[in-house]
Every structure is written in structure tokens, then in C-alpha cells.
Amino acid sequence: MNTPHLPPHQKIPIFQLSIVFISIILILQMWLLTGSLDAYLAGDRQIVLPAAAASGLCVLICGWLLKAATDNEE
């Protein structure tokens, strides 16, 4: 893929912003885990599959952001 080459001083903010978004998504994923585990232990078994799907989506988004951030670093 033809990506424009950015000067080094423009790469750092892009990488930092990606790390901020990844951190926010991971915090939300931990919140999702604790909420779904609490609901599961309370007897609500219907929450497990949607929570697993949302967690998988968080992993995919974080992976995509990390790949995009490291592609801009090169």
C-alpha cells in the first residue's frame, strides 16, 4: 500500500493518540469483563455471549489501531 511518508515530528502524535485510544478501549473491556462476570455470577446466563462478542470486537479494534500506529512508525 502506498502510504505517504510523514516527517518524524508528525509520527509521534499519531502514535500517542493511537495508544490513548487503545488504553481507553482496554479500560472499557475490563469494565465489560467485570460487569458480565458479576451478572453471570448473579445468575444471568444470557449476558455471556454478547459480552464475549463485544470483547472480541474490542480486541480487533485494538489490534487494528496498533497495526496502524506501528505502520506509521516505520
C-alpha atoms as a PDB file:
ATOM      1  CA  MET A   1       0.000   0.000   0.000  1.00  0.00           C
ATOM      2  CA  ASN A   2       1.274   3.459  -0.827  1.00  0.00           C
ATOM      3  CA  THR A   3       1.282   5.392   2.408  1.00  0.00           C
ATOM      4  CA  PRO A   4       2.687   8.896   2.480  1.00  0.00           C
ATOM      5  CA  HIS A   5       5.929   9.246   4.383  1.00  0.00           C
ATOM      6  CA  LEU A   6       5.432  11.565   7.309  1.00  0.00           C
ATOM      7  CA  PRO A   7       8.235  13.562   8.873  1.00  0.00           C
ATOM      8  CA  PRO A   8       9.323  12.234  12.295  1.00  0.00           C
ATOM      9  CA  HIS A   9       7.760  15.138  14.192  1.00  0.00           C
ATOM     10  CA  GLN A  10       4.320  14.187  12.789  1.00  0.00           C
ATOM     11  CA  LYS A  11       4.625  10.471  13.580  1.00  0.00           C
ATOM     12  CA  ILE A  12       4.857  10.859  17.347  1.00  0.00           C
ATOM     13  CA  PRO A  13       1.401  12.472  17.907  1.00  0.00           C
ATOM     14  CA  ILE A  14      -0.255   9.829  15.710  1.00  0.00           C
ATOM     15  CA  PHE A  15       1.376   7.059  17.739  1.00  0.00           C
ATOM     16  CA  GLN A  16       0.465   8.731  21.041  1.00  0.00           C
ATOM     17  CA  LEU A  17      -3.154   9.197  20.005  1.00  0.00           C
ATOM     18  CA  SER A  18      -3.357   5.538  18.990  1.00  0.00           C
ATOM     19  CA  ILE A  19      -2.012   4.494  22.395  1.00  0.00           C
ATOM     20  CA  VAL A  20      -4.599   6.714  24.134  1.00  0.00           C
ATOM     21  CA  PHE A  21      -7.443   5.111  22.149  1.00  0.00           C
ATOM     22  CA  ILE A  22      -6.080   1.614  22.845  1.00  0.00           C
ATOM     23  CA  SER A  23      -5.893   2.415  26.572  1.00  0.00           C
ATOM     24  CA  ILE A  24      -9.487   3.664  26.614  1.00  0.00           C
ATOM     25  CA  ILE A  25     -10.725   0.573  24.777  1.00  0.00           C
ATOM     26  CA  LEU A  26      -8.831  -1.727  27.156  1.00  0.00           C
ATOM     27  CA  ILE A  27     -10.313   0.058  30.181  1.00  0.00           C
ATOM     28  CA  LEU A  28     -13.781  -0.359  28.663  1.00  0.00           C
ATOM     29  CA  GLN A  29     -13.016  -4.030  28.023  1.00  0.00           C
ATOM     30  CA  MET A  30     -12.062  -4.550  31.672  1.00  0.00           C
ATOM     31  CA  TRP A  31     -15.281  -2.793  32.720  1.00  0.00           C
ATOM     32  CA  LEU A  32     -17.214  -5.090  30.385  1.00  0.00           C
ATOM     33  CA  LEU A  33     -15.481  -8.131  31.890  1.00  0.00           C
ATOM     34  CA  THR A  34     -16.285  -7.172  35.474  1.00  0.00           C
ATOM     35  CA  GLY A  35     -19.898  -6.316  34.645  1.00  0.00           C
ATOM     36  CA  SER A  36     -20.513  -9.503  32.700  1.00  0.00           C
ATOM     37  CA  LEU A  37     -18.815 -11.642  35.359  1.00  0.00           C
ATOM     38  CA  ASP A  38     -20.938 -10.003  38.055  1.00  0.00           C
ATOM     39  CA  ALA A  39     -24.112 -10.647  36.034  1.00  0.00           C
ATOM     40  CA  TYR A  40     -23.050 -14.235  35.323  1.00  0.00           C
ATOM     41  CA  LEU A  41     -22.387 -14.963  38.974  1.00  0.00           C
ATOM     42  CA  ALA A  42     -25.760 -13.411  39.851  1.00  0.00           C
ATOM     43  CA  GLY A  43     -27.427 -15.984  37.603  1.00  0.00           C
ATOM     44  CA  ASP A  44     -27.902 -14.041  34.367  1.00  0.00           C
ATOM     45  CA  ARG A  45     -26.514 -16.533  31.829  1.00  0.00           C
ATOM     46  CA  GLN A  46     -27.754 -14.608  28.775  1.00  0.00           C
ATOM     47  CA  ILE A  47     -25.065 -11.941  29.096  1.00  0.00           C
ATOM     48  CA  VAL A  48     -22.127 -14.255  28.381  1.00  0.00           C
ATOM     49  CA  LEU A  49     -22.358 -14.480  24.583  1.00  0.00           C
ATOM     50  CA  PRO A  50     -22.949 -10.751  23.897  1.00  0.00           C
ATOM     51  CA  ALA A  51     -20.157  -9.848  26.313  1.00  0.00           C
ATOM     52  CA  ALA A  52     -17.769 -12.255  24.585  1.00  0.00           C
ATOM     53  CA  ALA A  53     -18.702 -10.785  21.191  1.00  0.00           C
ATOM     54  CA  ALA A  54     -18.140  -7.228  22.440  1.00  0.00           C
ATOM     55  CA  SER A  55     -14.812  -8.248  23.978  1.00  0.00           C
ATOM     56  CA  GLY A  56     -13.731  -9.821  20.691  1.00  0.00           C
ATOM     57  CA  LEU A  57     -14.663  -6.620  18.885  1.00  0.00           C
ATOM     58  CA  CYS A  58     -12.524  -4.645  21.359  1.00  0.00           C
ATOM     59  CA  VAL A  59      -9.580  -6.949  20.651  1.00  0.00           C
ATOM     60  CA  LEU A  60      -9.993  -6.492  16.896  1.00  0.00           C
ATOM     61  CA  ILE A  61     -10.179  -2.705  17.201  1.00  0.00           C
ATOM     62  CA  CYS A  62      -7.093  -2.593  19.442  1.00  0.00           C
ATOM     63  CA  GLY A  63      -5.198  -4.828  17.032  1.00  0.00           C
ATOM     64  CA  TRP A  64      -6.152  -2.641  14.090  1.00  0.00           C
ATOM     65  CA  LEU A  65      -5.126   0.535  15.940  1.00  0.00           C
ATOM     66  CA  LEU A  66      -1.827  -0.996  16.996  1.00  0.00           C
ATOM     67  CA  LYS A  67      -1.085  -2.139  13.452  1.00  0.00           C
ATOM     68  CA  ALA A  68      -1.966   1.292  12.080  1.00  0.00           C
ATOM     69  CA  ALA A  69       0.219   3.007  14.690  1.00  0.00           C
ATOM     70  CA  THR A  70       3.230   0.819  14.029  1.00  0.00           C
ATOM     71  CA  ASP A  71       2.840   1.121  10.250  1.00  0.00           C
ATOM     72  CA  ASN A  72       3.191   4.878  10.609  1.00  0.00           C
ATOM     73  CA  GLU A  73       6.286   4.467  12.773  1.00  0.00           C
ATOM     74  CA  GLU A  74       8.364   2.843  10.004  1.00  0.00           C
END
